[in-house]
């Protein structure tokens, strides 16, 4: 414990003040710049640790059907599901076409600039 007994915050501050008082002004300016740059990078790395979830998973649950349903009920449900599927496919195609048009617009602008 005698090792830590030799440390004193008051003496450390006094020693730091003595060291800084013997430095030239330009050295203190460079010290502040170095501390600022280092502090900025530490802040940037600490701030950048957040990683957003890339997508929200779409959970699809399995529907439960009675074991004694008839073929007519099955075909009626397939017709209902077919309409929903066609609608979903049409929405996806519209979104894909819109995205493709946006990229085409950017490509045309880049071609106009010769890129």
PDB file of N, CA and C in Angstrom:
ATOM      1  N   UNK A   1       0.814  -1.205   0.000  1.00  0.00           N
ATOM      2  CA  UNK A   1       0.000   0.000   0.000  1.00  0.00           C
ATOM      3  C   UNK A   1       0.856   1.267   0.000  1.00  0.00           C
ATOM      4  N   UNK A   2       2.131   1.160   0.317  1.00  0.00           N
ATOM      5  CA  UNK A   2       2.972   2.352   0.347  1.00  0.00           C
ATOM      6  C   UNK A   2       3.176   2.924  -1.057  1.00  0.00           C
ATOM      7  N   UNK A   3       2.961   2.076  -2.069  1.00  0.00           N
ATOM      8  CA  UNK A   3       3.097   2.551  -3.443  1.00  0.00           C
ATOM      9  C   UNK A   3       2.044   3.605  -3.750  1.00  0.00           C
ATOM     10  N   UNK A   4       0.777   3.340  -3.371  1.00  0.00           N
ATOM     11  CA  UNK A   4      -0.296   4.306  -3.616  1.00  0.00           C
ATOM     12  C   UNK A   4      -0.276   5.452  -2.607  1.00  0.00           C
ATOM     13  N   UNK A   5       0.407   5.294  -1.539  1.00  0.00           N
ATOM     14  CA  UNK A   5       0.491   6.365  -0.541  1.00  0.00           C
ATOM     15  C   UNK A   5       1.301   7.543  -1.027  1.00  0.00           C
ATOM     16  N   UNK A   6       2.142   7.330  -2.015  1.00  0.00           N
ATOM     17  CA  UNK A   6       2.974   8.423  -2.526  1.00  0.00           C
ATOM     18  C   UNK A   6       2.241   9.314  -3.521  1.00  0.00           C
ATOM     19  N   UNK A   7       1.063   8.891  -3.967  1.00  0.00           N
ATOM     20  CA  UNK A   7       0.314   9.682  -4.928  1.00  0.00           C
ATOM     21  C   UNK A   7      -0.584  10.669  -4.201  1.00  0.00           C
ATOM     22  N   UNK A   8      -0.577  11.891  -4.685  1.00  0.00           N
ATOM     23  CA  UNK A   8      -1.418  12.925  -4.095  1.00  0.00           C
ATOM     24  C   UNK A   8      -2.005  13.754  -5.231  1.00  0.00           C
ATOM     25  N   UNK A   9      -3.334  13.905  -5.280  1.00  0.00           N
ATOM     26  CA  UNK A   9      -3.927  14.714  -6.346  1.00  0.00           C
ATOM     27  C   UNK A   9      -3.451  16.166  -6.316  1.00  0.00           C
ATOM     28  N   UNK A  10      -3.224  16.697  -5.146  1.00  0.00           N
ATOM     29  CA  UNK A  10      -2.769  18.087  -5.039  1.00  0.00           C
ATOM     30  C   UNK A  10      -1.375  18.219  -5.654  1.00  0.00           C
ATOM     31  N   UNK A  11      -0.487  17.282  -5.344  1.00  0.00           N
ATOM     32  CA  UNK A  11       0.856  17.341  -5.918  1.00  0.00           C
ATOM     33  C   UNK A  11       0.821  17.109  -7.425  1.00  0.00           C
ATOM     34  N   UNK A  12      -0.084  16.252  -7.885  1.00  0.00           N
ATOM     35  CA  UNK A  12      -0.182  15.996  -9.323  1.00  0.00           C
ATOM     36  C   UNK A  12      -0.637  17.251 -10.064  1.00  0.00           C
ATOM     37  N   UNK A  13      -1.620  17.968  -9.516  1.00  0.00           N
ATOM     38  CA  UNK A  13      -2.101  19.205 -10.149  1.00  0.00           C
ATOM     39  C   UNK A  13      -1.007  20.264 -10.123  1.00  0.00           C
ATOM     40  N   UNK A  14      -0.294  20.349  -9.009  1.00  0.00           N
ATOM     41  CA  UNK A  14       0.793  21.322  -8.905  1.00  0.00           C
ATOM     42  C   UNK A  14       1.902  21.010  -9.927  1.00  0.00           C
ATOM     43  N   UNK A  15       2.212  19.732 -10.081  1.00  0.00           N
ATOM     44  CA  UNK A  15       3.226  19.327 -11.060  1.00  0.00           C
ATOM     45  C   UNK A  15       2.766  19.639 -12.487  1.00  0.00           C
ATOM     46  N   UNK A  16       1.479  19.393 -12.790  1.00  0.00           N
ATOM     47  CA  UNK A  16       0.947  19.702 -14.120  1.00  0.00           C
ATOM     48  C   UNK A  16       1.003  21.202 -14.398  1.00  0.00           C
ATOM     49  N   UNK A  17       0.630  22.006 -13.417  1.00  0.00           N
ATOM     50  CA  UNK A  17       0.686  23.465 -13.597  1.00  0.00           C
ATOM     51  C   UNK A  17       2.131  23.919 -13.845  1.00  0.00           C
ATOM     52  N   UNK A  18       3.084  23.349 -13.130  1.00  0.00           N
ATOM     53  CA  UNK A  18       4.492  23.706 -13.311  1.00  0.00           C
ATOM     54  C   UNK A  18       4.956  23.311 -14.715  1.00  0.00           C
ATOM     55  N   UNK A  19       4.577  22.110 -15.149  1.00  0.00           N
ATOM     56  CA  UNK A  19       4.959  21.647 -16.489  1.00  0.00           C
ATOM     57  C   UNK A  19       4.378  22.554 -17.570  1.00  0.00           C
ATOM     58  N   UNK A  20       3.073  22.887 -17.452  1.00  0.00           N
ATOM     59  CA  UNK A  20       2.429  23.725 -18.463  1.00  0.00           C
ATOM     60  C   UNK A  20       2.946  25.158 -18.443  1.00  0.00           C
ATOM     61  N   UNK A  21       3.367  25.644 -17.292  1.00  0.00           N
ATOM     62  CA  UNK A  21       3.871  27.024 -17.225  1.00  0.00           C
ATOM     63  C   UNK A  21       5.231  27.158 -17.900  1.00  0.00           C
ATOM     64  N   UNK A  22       5.963  26.072 -18.060  1.00  0.00           N
ATOM     65  CA  UNK A  22       7.279  26.119 -18.691  1.00  0.00           C
ATOM     66  C   UNK A  22       7.211  25.880 -20.200  1.00  0.00           C
ATOM     67  N   UNK A  23       6.031  25.664 -20.739  1.00  0.00           N
ATOM     68  CA  UNK A  23       5.866  25.417 -22.175  1.00  0.00           C
ATOM     69  C   UNK A  23       5.681  26.735 -22.919  1.00  0.00           C
ATOM     70  N   UNK A  24       6.023  26.728 -24.206  1.00  0.00           N
ATOM     71  CA  UNK A  24       5.790  27.885 -25.064  1.00  0.00           C
ATOM     72  C   UNK A  24       4.307  27.925 -25.431  1.00  0.00           C
ATOM     73  N   UNK A  25       3.779  29.103 -25.772  1.00  0.00           N
ATOM     74  CA  UNK A  25       2.345  29.204 -26.100  1.00  0.00           C
ATOM     75  C   UNK A  25       1.934  28.338 -27.292  1.00  0.00           C
ATOM     76  N   UNK A  26       2.801  28.232 -28.306  1.00  0.00           N
ATOM     77  CA  UNK A  26       2.412  27.415 -29.465  1.00  0.00           C
ATOM     78  C   UNK A  26       2.304  25.937 -29.085  1.00  0.00           C
ATOM     79  N   UNK A  27       3.095  25.482 -28.098  1.00  0.00           N
ATOM     80  CA  UNK A  27       2.994  24.093 -27.649  1.00  0.00           C
ATOM     81  C   UNK A  27       1.648  23.839 -26.976  1.00  0.00           C
ATOM     82  N   UNK A  28       1.162  24.810 -26.244  1.00  0.00           N
ATOM     83  CA  UNK A  28      -0.146  24.660 -25.589  1.00  0.00           C
ATOM     84  C   UNK A  28      -1.279  24.658 -26.619  1.00  0.00           C
ATOM     85  N   UNK A  29      -1.108  25.457 -27.678  1.00  0.00           N
ATOM     86  CA  UNK A  29      -2.118  25.465 -28.738  1.00  0.00           C
ATOM     87  C   UNK A  29      -2.168  24.100 -29.415  1.00  0.00           C
ATOM     88  N   UNK A  30      -1.000  23.546 -29.732  1.00  0.00           N
ATOM     89  CA  UNK A  30      -0.969  22.223 -30.350  1.00  0.00           C
ATOM     90  C   UNK A  30      -1.502  21.149 -29.401  1.00  0.00           C
ATOM     91  N   UNK A  31      -1.258  21.314 -28.109  1.00  0.00           N
ATOM     92  CA  UNK A  31      -1.803  20.373 -27.122  1.00  0.00           C
ATOM     93  C   UNK A  31      -3.329  20.403 -27.163  1.00  0.00           C
ATOM     94  N   UNK A  32      -3.917  21.587 -27.195  1.00  0.00           N
ATOM     95  CA  UNK A  32      -5.381  21.709 -27.237  1.00  0.00           C
ATOM     96  C   UNK A  32      -5.947  21.144 -28.544  1.00  0.00           C
ATOM     97  N   UNK A  33      -5.242  21.380 -29.640  1.00  0.00           N
ATOM     98  CA  UNK A  33      -5.700  20.824 -30.924  1.00  0.00           C
ATOM     99  C   UNK A  33      -5.654  19.293 -30.874  1.00  0.00           C
ATOM    100  N   UNK A  34      -4.569  18.732 -30.345  1.00  0.00           N
ATOM    101  CA  UNK A  34      -4.444  17.275 -30.256  1.00  0.00           C
ATOM    102  C   UNK A  34      -5.515  16.684 -29.349  1.00  0.00           C
ATOM    103  N   UNK A  35      -5.782  17.343 -28.229  1.00  0.00           N
ATOM    104  CA  UNK A  35      -6.822  16.856 -27.322  1.00  0.00           C
ATOM    105  C   UNK A  35      -8.192  16.960 -27.992  1.00  0.00           C
ATOM    106  N   UNK A  36      -8.427  18.025 -28.731  1.00  0.00           N
ATOM    107  CA  UNK A  36      -9.711  18.195 -29.419  1.00  0.00           C
ATOM    108  C   UNK A  36      -9.936  17.150 -30.494  1.00  0.00           C
ATOM    109  N   UNK A  37      -8.923  16.887 -31.299  1.00  0.00           N
ATOM    110  CA  UNK A  37      -9.056  15.879 -32.361  1.00  0.00           C
ATOM    111  C   UNK A  37      -9.276  14.495 -31.761  1.00  0.00           C
ATOM    112  N   UNK A  38      -8.502  14.165 -30.744  1.00  0.00           N
ATOM    113  CA  UNK A  38      -8.664  12.868 -30.087  1.00  0.00           C
ATOM    114  C   UNK A  38     -10.048  12.741 -29.468  1.00  0.00           C
ATOM    115  N   UNK A  39     -10.497  13.803 -28.810  1.00  0.00           N
ATOM    116  CA  UNK A  39     -11.835  13.788 -28.218  1.00  0.00           C
ATOM    117  C   UNK A  39     -12.931  13.639 -29.258  1.00  0.00           C
ATOM    118  N   UNK A  40     -12.743  14.278 -30.409  1.00  0.00           N
ATOM    119  CA  UNK A  40     -13.729  14.145 -31.485  1.00  0.00           C
ATOM    120  C   UNK A  40     -13.831  12.707 -31.966  1.00  0.00           C
ATOM    121  N   UNK A  41     -12.677  12.055 -32.174  1.00  0.00           N
ATOM    122  CA  UNK A  41     -12.716  10.672 -32.652  1.00  0.00           C
ATOM    123  C   UNK A  41     -13.312   9.732 -31.611  1.00  0.00           C
ATOM    124  N   UNK A  42     -12.998   9.941 -30.358  1.00  0.00           N
ATOM    125  CA  UNK A  42     -13.603   9.112 -29.310  1.00  0.00           C
ATOM    126  C   UNK A  42     -15.110   9.322 -29.295  1.00  0.00           C
ATOM    127  N   UNK A  43     -15.568  10.567 -29.406  1.00  0.00           N
ATOM    128  CA  UNK A  43     -17.005  10.856 -29.450  1.00  0.00           C
ATOM    129  C   UNK A  43     -17.652  10.221 -30.681  1.00  0.00           C
ATOM    130  N   UNK A  44     -16.977  10.308 -31.840  1.00  0.00           N
ATOM    131  CA  UNK A  44     -17.546   9.755 -33.070  1.00  0.00           C
ATOM    132  C   UNK A  44     -17.688   8.240 -32.977  1.00  0.00           C
ATOM    133  N   UNK A  45     -16.677   7.558 -32.435  1.00  0.00           N
ATOM    134  CA  UNK A  45     -16.774   6.105 -32.299  1.00  0.00           C
ATOM    135  C   UNK A  45     -17.824   5.717 -31.266  1.00  0.00           C
ATOM    136  N   UNK A  46     -17.954   6.482 -30.203  1.00  0.00           N
ATOM    137  CA  UNK A  46     -18.967   6.173 -29.197  1.00  0.00           C
ATOM    138  C   UNK A  46     -20.365   6.428 -29.746  1.00  0.00           C
ATOM    139  N   UNK A  47     -20.495   7.429 -30.578  1.00  0.00           N
ATOM    140  CA  UNK A  47     -21.795   7.775 -31.150  1.00  0.00           C
ATOM    141  C   UNK A  47     -22.192   6.799 -32.252  1.00  0.00           C
ATOM    142  N   UNK A  48     -21.214   6.197 -32.907  1.00  0.00           N
ATOM    143  CA  UNK A  48     -21.461   5.339 -34.048  1.00  0.00           C
ATOM    144  C   UNK A  48     -21.759   3.893 -33.658  1.00  0.00           C
ATOM    145  N   UNK A  49     -21.852   3.600 -32.367  1.00  0.00           N
ATOM    146  CA  UNK A  49     -22.061   2.216 -31.969  1.00  0.00           C
ATOM    147  C   UNK A  49     -23.500   1.754 -32.179  1.00  0.00           C
ATOM    148  N   UNK A  50     -24.397   2.646 -32.556  1.00  0.00           N
ATOM    149  CA  UNK A  50     -25.782   2.260 -32.799  1.00  0.00           C
ATOM    150  C   UNK A  50     -25.917   1.675 -34.200  1.00  0.00           C
ATOM    151  N   UNK A  51     -26.427   0.458 -34.287  1.00  0.00           N
ATOM    152  CA  UNK A  51     -26.645  -0.192 -35.571  1.00  0.00           C
ATOM    153  C   UNK A  51     -28.136  -0.482 -35.695  1.00  0.00           C
ATOM    154  N   UNK A  52     -28.825   0.175 -36.627  1.00  0.00           N
ATOM    155  CA  UNK A  52     -30.265  -0.059 -36.734  1.00  0.00           C
ATOM    156  C   UNK A  52     -30.569  -1.440 -37.297  1.00  0.00           C
ATOM    157  N   UNK A  53     -31.722  -1.946 -36.964  1.00  0.00           N
ATOM    158  CA  UNK A  53     -32.162  -3.226 -37.503  1.00  0.00           C
ATOM    159  C   UNK A  53     -32.481  -3.016 -38.976  1.00  0.00           C
ATOM    160  N   UNK A  54     -31.926  -3.836 -39.874  1.00  0.00           N
ATOM    161  CA  UNK A  54     -32.104  -3.572 -41.301  1.00  0.00           C
ATOM    162  C   UNK A  54     -33.550  -3.713 -41.772  1.00  0.00           C
ATOM    163  N   UNK A  55     -34.304  -4.567 -41.161  1.00  0.00           N
ATOM    164  CA  UNK A  55     -35.696  -4.724 -41.565  1.00  0.00           C
ATOM    165  C   UNK A  55     -36.478  -5.323 -40.417  1.00  0.00           C
ATOM    166  N   UNK A  56     -37.757  -5.116 -40.452  1.00  0.00           N
ATOM    167  CA  UNK A  56     -38.618  -5.724 -39.456  1.00  0.00           C
ATOM    168  C   UNK A  56     -39.111  -7.043 -40.045  1.00  0.00           C
ATOM    169  N   UNK A  57     -38.831  -8.141 -39.371  1.00  0.00           N
ATOM    170  CA  UNK A  57     -39.232  -9.426 -39.943  1.00  0.00           C
ATOM    171  C   UNK A  57     -40.751  -9.538 -40.042  1.00  0.00           C
ATOM    172  N   UNK A  58     -41.197 -10.085 -41.156  1.00  0.00           N
ATOM    173  CA  UNK A  58     -42.625 -10.280 -41.394  1.00  0.00           C
ATOM    174  C   UNK A  58     -42.954 -11.723 -41.030  1.00  0.00           C
ATOM    175  N   UNK A  59     -43.581 -11.898 -39.888  1.00  0.00           N
ATOM    176  CA  UNK A  59     -43.884 -13.234 -39.394  1.00  0.00           C
ATOM    177  C   UNK A  59     -45.193 -13.704 -40.020  1.00  0.00           C
ATOM    178  N   UNK A  60     -45.135 -14.863 -40.630  1.00  0.00           N
ATOM    179  CA  UNK A  60     -46.324 -15.447 -41.244  1.00  0.00           C
ATOM    180  C   UNK A  60     -46.693 -16.685 -40.438  1.00  0.00           C
ATOM    181  N   UNK A  61     -47.866 -16.642 -39.877  1.00  0.00           N
ATOM    182  CA  UNK A  61     -48.324 -17.760 -39.076  1.00  0.00           C
ATOM    183  C   UNK A  61     -49.094 -18.743 -39.956  1.00  0.00           C
ATOM    184  N   UNK A  62     -48.993 -20.008 -39.638  1.00  0.00           N
ATOM    185  CA  UNK A  62     -49.679 -21.051 -40.391  1.00  0.00           C
ATOM    186  C   UNK A  62     -51.137 -21.068 -39.944  1.00  0.00           C
ATOM    187  N   UNK A  63     -52.024 -21.075 -40.929  1.00  0.00           N
ATOM    188  CA  UNK A  63     -53.442 -21.135 -40.594  1.00  0.00           C
ATOM    189  C   UNK A  63     -53.835 -22.572 -40.293  1.00  0.00           C
ATOM    190  N   UNK A  64     -54.703 -22.729 -39.345  1.00  0.00           N
ATOM    191  CA  UNK A  64     -55.165 -24.059 -38.967  1.00  0.00           C
ATOM    192  C   UNK A  64     -56.531 -24.293 -39.596  1.00  0.00           C
ATOM    193  N   UNK A  65     -56.671 -25.417 -40.238  1.00  0.00           N
ATOM    194  CA  UNK A  65     -57.914 -25.767 -40.902  1.00  0.00           C
ATOM    195  C   UNK A  65     -58.487 -27.031 -40.273  1.00  0.00           C
ATOM    196  N   UNK A  66     -59.793 -27.120 -40.265  1.00  0.00           N
ATOM    197  CA  UNK A  66     -60.381 -28.358 -39.736  1.00  0.00           C
ATOM    198  C   UNK A  66     -60.064 -29.541 -40.651  1.00  0.00           C
ATOM    199  N   UNK A  67     -59.894 -30.684 -40.081  1.00  0.00           N
ATOM    200  CA  UNK A  67     -59.510 -31.867 -40.851  1.00  0.00           C
ATOM    201  C   UNK A  67     -60.652 -32.395 -41.713  1.00  0.00           C
ATOM    202  N   UNK A  68     -61.876 -32.030 -41.388  1.00  0.00           N
ATOM    203  CA  UNK A  68     -63.025 -32.579 -42.118  1.00  0.00           C
ATOM    204  C   UNK A  68     -63.615 -31.598 -43.121  1.00  0.00           C
ATOM    205  N   UNK A  69     -62.853 -30.634 -43.615  1.00  0.00           N
ATOM    206  CA  UNK A  69     -63.413 -29.687 -44.572  1.00  0.00           C
ATOM    207  C   UNK A  69     -63.520 -30.346 -45.948  1.00  0.00           C
ATOM    208  N   UNK A  70     -64.427 -29.847 -46.723  1.00  0.00           N
ATOM    209  CA  UNK A  70     -64.715 -30.474 -48.022  1.00  0.00           C
ATOM    210  C   UNK A  70     -63.882 -29.833 -49.116  1.00  0.00           C
ATOM    211  N   UNK A  71     -63.898 -30.464 -50.284  1.00  0.00           N
ATOM    212  CA  UNK A  71     -63.182 -29.926 -51.439  1.00  0.00           C
ATOM    213  C   UNK A  71     -63.753 -28.587 -51.874  1.00  0.00           C
ATOM    214  N   UNK A  72     -65.044 -28.386 -51.718  1.00  0.00           N
ATOM    215  CA  UNK A  72     -65.681 -27.120 -52.081  1.00  0.00           C
ATOM    216  C   UNK A  72     -65.150 -25.999 -51.194  1.00  0.00           C
ATOM    217  N   UNK A  73     -65.000 -26.280 -49.897  1.00  0.00           N
ATOM    218  CA  UNK A  73     -64.458 -25.265 -48.988  1.00  0.00           C
ATOM    219  C   UNK A  73     -63.000 -24.949 -49.327  1.00  0.00           C
ATOM    220  N   UNK A  74     -62.272 -25.968 -49.684  1.00  0.00           N
ATOM    221  CA  UNK A  74     -60.862 -25.765 -50.042  1.00  0.00           C
ATOM    222  C   UNK A  74     -60.755 -24.883 -51.284  1.00  0.00           C
ATOM    223  N   UNK A  75     -61.548 -25.189 -52.315  1.00  0.00           N
ATOM    224  CA  UNK A  75     -61.501 -24.402 -53.558  1.00  0.00           C
ATOM    225  C   UNK A  75     -61.976 -22.971 -53.330  1.00  0.00           C
ATOM    226  N   UNK A  76     -62.977 -22.773 -52.464  1.00  0.00           N
ATOM    227  CA  UNK A  76     -63.450 -21.416 -52.159  1.00  0.00           C
ATOM    228  C   UNK A  76     -62.342 -20.613 -51.477  1.00  0.00           C
ATOM    229  N   UNK A  77     -61.632 -21.237 -50.545  1.00  0.00           N
ATOM    230  CA  UNK A  77     -60.541 -20.546 -49.871  1.00  0.00           C
ATOM    231  C   UNK A  77     -59.398 -20.266 -50.842  1.00  0.00           C
ATOM    232  N   UNK A  78     -59.129 -21.168 -51.771  1.00  0.00           N
ATOM    233  CA  UNK A  78     -58.083 -20.945 -52.762  1.00  0.00           C
ATOM    234  C   UNK A  78     -58.423 -19.769 -53.668  1.00  0.00           C
ATOM    235  N   UNK A  79     -59.708 -19.596 -54.007  1.00  0.00           N
ATOM    236  CA  UNK A  79     -60.114 -18.443 -54.822  1.00  0.00           C
ATOM    237  C   UNK A  79     -59.878 -17.142 -54.065  1.00  0.00           C
ATOM    238  N   UNK A  80     -60.218 -17.136 -52.770  1.00  0.00           N
ATOM    239  CA  UNK A  80     -60.000 -15.935 -51.947  1.00  0.00           C
ATOM    240  C   UNK A  80     -58.498 -15.637 -51.863  1.00  0.00           C
ATOM    241  N   UNK A  81     -57.690 -16.673 -51.617  1.00  0.00           N
ATOM    242  CA  UNK A  81     -56.246 -16.489 -51.511  1.00  0.00           C
ATOM    243  C   UNK A  81     -55.632 -16.066 -52.843  1.00  0.00           C
ATOM    244  N   UNK A  82     -56.188 -16.552 -53.962  1.00  0.00           N
ATOM    245  CA  UNK A  82     -55.670 -16.207 -55.280  1.00  0.00           C
ATOM    246  C   UNK A  82     -55.843 -14.713 -55.555  1.00  0.00           C
ATOM    247  N   UNK A  83     -56.996 -14.177 -55.178  1.00  0.00           N
ATOM    248  CA  UNK A  83     -57.239 -12.735 -55.366  1.00  0.00           C
ATOM    249  C   UNK A  83     -56.241 -11.927 -54.533  1.00  0.00           C
ATOM    250  N   UNK A  84     -56.021 -12.336 -53.288  1.00  0.00           N
ATOM    251  CA  UNK A  84     -55.066 -11.629 -52.425  1.00  0.00           C
ATOM    252  C   UNK A  84     -53.647 -11.723 -52.987  1.00  0.00           C
ATOM    253  N   UNK A  85     -53.303 -12.906 -53.509  1.00  0.00           N
ATOM    254  CA  UNK A  85     -51.967 -13.107 -54.067  1.00  0.00           C
ATOM    255  C   UNK A  85     -51.760 -12.236 -55.300  1.00  0.00           C
ATOM    256  N   UNK A  86     -52.752 -12.175 -56.184  1.00  0.00           N
ATOM    257  CA  UNK A  86     -52.652 -11.336 -57.383  1.00  0.00           C
ATOM    258  C   UNK A  86     -52.484  -9.861 -57.000  1.00  0.00           C
ATOM    259  N   UNK A  87     -53.229  -9.424 -55.980  1.00  0.00           N
ATOM    260  CA  UNK A  87     -53.138  -8.039 -55.533  1.00  0.00           C
ATOM    261  C   UNK A  87     -51.736  -7.755 -54.981  1.00  0.00           C
ATOM    262  N   UNK A  88     -51.195  -8.668 -54.180  1.00  0.00           N
ATOM    263  CA  UNK A  88     -49.867  -8.486 -53.616  1.00  0.00           C
ATOM    264  C   UNK A  88     -48.801  -8.458 -54.704  1.00  0.00           C
ATOM    265  N   UNK A  89     -48.927  -9.329 -55.693  1.00  0.00           N
ATOM    266  CA  UNK A  89     -47.974  -9.357 -56.802  1.00  0.00           C
ATOM    267  C   UNK A  89     -48.044  -8.065 -57.612  1.00  0.00           C
ATOM    268  N   UNK A  90     -49.253  -7.544 -57.816  1.00  0.00           N
ATOM    269  CA  UNK A  90     -49.409  -6.284 -58.557  1.00  0.00           C
ATOM    270  C   UNK A  90     -48.772  -5.122 -57.797  1.00  0.00           C
ATOM    271  N   UNK A  91     -48.937  -5.096 -56.467  1.00  0.00           N
ATOM    272  CA  UNK A  91     -48.329  -4.032 -55.665  1.00  0.00           C
ATOM    273  C   UNK A  91     -46.802  -4.115 -55.725  1.00  0.00           C
ATOM    274  N   UNK A  92     -46.265  -5.327 -55.636  1.00  0.00           N
ATOM    275  CA  UNK A  92     -44.823  -5.492 -55.707  1.00  0.00           C
ATOM    276  C   UNK A  92     -44.286  -5.082 -57.078  1.00  0.00           C
ATOM    277  N   UNK A  93     -45.011  -5.411 -58.129  1.00  0.00           N
ATOM    278  CA  UNK A  93     -44.581  -5.034 -59.482  1.00  0.00           C
ATOM    279  C   UNK A  93     -44.625  -3.518 -59.658  1.00  0.00           C
ATOM    280  N   UNK A  94     -45.666  -2.873 -59.121  1.00  0.00           N
ATOM    281  CA  UNK A  94     -45.755  -1.414 -59.218  1.00  0.00           C
ATOM    282  C   UNK A  94     -44.597  -0.755 -58.470  1.00  0.00           C
ATOM    283  N   UNK A  95     -44.276  -1.261 -57.287  1.00  0.00           N
ATOM    284  CA  UNK A  95     -43.167  -0.701 -56.516  1.00  0.00           C
ATOM    285  C   UNK A  95     -41.842  -0.924 -57.244  1.00  0.00           C
ATOM    286  N   UNK A  96     -41.660  -2.107 -57.837  1.00  0.00           N
ATOM    287  CA  UNK A  96     -40.443  -2.409 -58.577  1.00  0.00           C
ATOM    288  C   UNK A  96     -40.315  -1.516 -59.812  1.00  0.00           C
ATOM    289  N   UNK A  97     -41.429  -1.303 -60.529  1.00  0.00           N
ATOM    290  CA  UNK A  97     -41.400  -0.437 -61.703  1.00  0.00           C
ATOM    291  C   UNK A  97     -41.098   1.014 -61.329  1.00  0.00           C
ATOM    292  N   UNK A  98     -41.657   1.465 -60.205  1.00  0.00           N
ATOM    293  CA  UNK A  98     -41.391   2.833 -59.756  1.00  0.00           C
ATOM    294  C   UNK A  98     -39.910   2.985 -59.404  1.00  0.00           C
ATOM    295  N   UNK A  99     -39.361   2.010 -58.701  1.00  0.00           N
ATOM    296  CA  UNK A  99     -37.947   2.059 -58.334  1.00  0.00           C
ATOM    297  C   UNK A  99     -37.066   2.027 -59.584  1.00  0.00           C
ATOM    298  N   UNK A 100     -37.457   1.216 -60.552  1.00  0.00           N
ATOM    299  CA  UNK A 100     -36.704   1.122 -61.800  1.00  0.00           C
ATOM    300  C   UNK A 100     -36.742   2.453 -62.544  1.00  0.00           C
ATOM    301  N   UNK A 101     -37.892   3.129 -62.524  1.00  0.00           N
ATOM    302  CA  UNK A 101     -38.006   4.432 -63.186  1.00  0.00           C
ATOM    303  C   UNK A 101     -37.112   5.467 -62.504  1.00  0.00           C
ATOM    304  N   UNK A 102     -37.020   5.394 -61.166  1.00  0.00           N
ATOM    305  CA  UNK A 102     -36.149   6.325 -60.449  1.00  0.00           C
ATOM    306  C   UNK A 102     -34.688   6.110 -60.844  1.00  0.00           C
ATOM    307  N   UNK A 103     -34.274   4.835 -60.914  1.00  0.00           N
ATOM    308  CA  UNK A 103     -32.897   4.556 -61.308  1.00  0.00           C
ATOM    309  C   UNK A 103     -32.639   4.952 -62.759  1.00  0.00           C
ATOM    310  N   UNK A 104     -33.623   4.783 -63.619  1.00  0.00           N
ATOM    311  CA  UNK A 104     -33.465   5.185 -65.013  1.00  0.00           C
ATOM    312  C   UNK A 104     -33.282   6.691 -65.105  1.00  0.00           C
ATOM    313  N   UNK A 105     -34.029   7.430 -64.298  1.00  0.00           N
ATOM    314  CA  UNK A 105     -33.906   8.888 -64.294  1.00  0.00           C
ATOM    315  C   UNK A 105     -32.486   9.298 -63.879  1.00  0.00           C
ATOM    316  N   UNK A 106     -31.953   8.647 -62.850  1.00  0.00           N
ATOM    317  CA  UNK A 106     -30.591   8.948 -62.408  1.00  0.00           C
ATOM    318  C   UNK A 106     -29.586   8.558 -63.491  1.00  0.00           C
ATOM    319  N   UNK A 107     -29.795   7.393 -64.113  1.00  0.00           N
ATOM    320  CA  UNK A 107     -28.892   6.943 -65.162  1.00  0.00           C
ATOM    321  C   UNK A 107     -28.899   7.901 -66.352  1.00  0.00           C
ATOM    322  N   UNK A 108     -30.087   8.381 -66.732  1.00  0.00           N
ATOM    323  CA  UNK A 108     -30.176   9.343 -67.841  1.00  0.00           C
ATOM    324  C   UNK A 108     -29.439  10.636 -67.490  1.00  0.00           C
ATOM    325  N   UNK A 109     -29.570  11.079 -66.232  1.00  0.00           N
ATOM    326  CA  UNK A 109     -28.877  12.304 -65.821  1.00  0.00           C
ATOM    327  C   UNK A 109     -27.360  12.100 -65.859  1.00  0.00           C
ATOM    328  N   UNK A 110     -26.903  10.921 -65.425  1.00  0.00           N
ATOM    329  CA  UNK A 110     -25.463  10.655 -65.466  1.00  0.00           C
ATOM    330  C   UNK A 110     -24.958  10.535 -66.903  1.00  0.00           C
ATOM    331  N   UNK A 111     -25.774   9.941 -67.771  1.00  0.00           N
ATOM    332  CA  UNK A 111     -25.380   9.839 -69.176  1.00  0.00           C
ATOM    333  C   UNK A 111     -25.304  11.225 -69.814  1.00  0.00           C
ATOM    334  N   UNK A 112     -26.192  12.129 -69.404  1.00  0.00           N
ATOM    335  CA  UNK A 112     -26.162  13.479 -69.935  1.00  0.00           C
ATOM    336  C   UNK A 112     -24.871  14.183 -69.552  1.00  0.00           C
ATOM    337  N   UNK A 113     -24.354  13.870 -68.373  1.00  0.00           N
ATOM    338  CA  UNK A 113     -23.088  14.471 -67.917  1.00  0.00           C
ATOM    339  C   UNK A 113     -21.881  13.720 -68.484  1.00  0.00           C
ATOM    340  N   UNK A 114     -22.123  12.603 -69.143  1.00  0.00           N
ATOM    341  CA  UNK A 114     -21.024  11.843 -69.722  1.00  0.00           C
ATOM    342  C   UNK A 114     -20.375  10.882 -68.762  1.00  0.00           C
ATOM    343  N   UNK A 115     -21.092  10.531 -67.739  1.00  0.00           N
ATOM    344  CA  UNK A 115     -20.528   9.614 -66.727  1.00  0.00           C
ATOM    345  C   UNK A 115     -21.094   8.235 -66.934  1.00  0.00           C
TER     346      UNK A 115
END
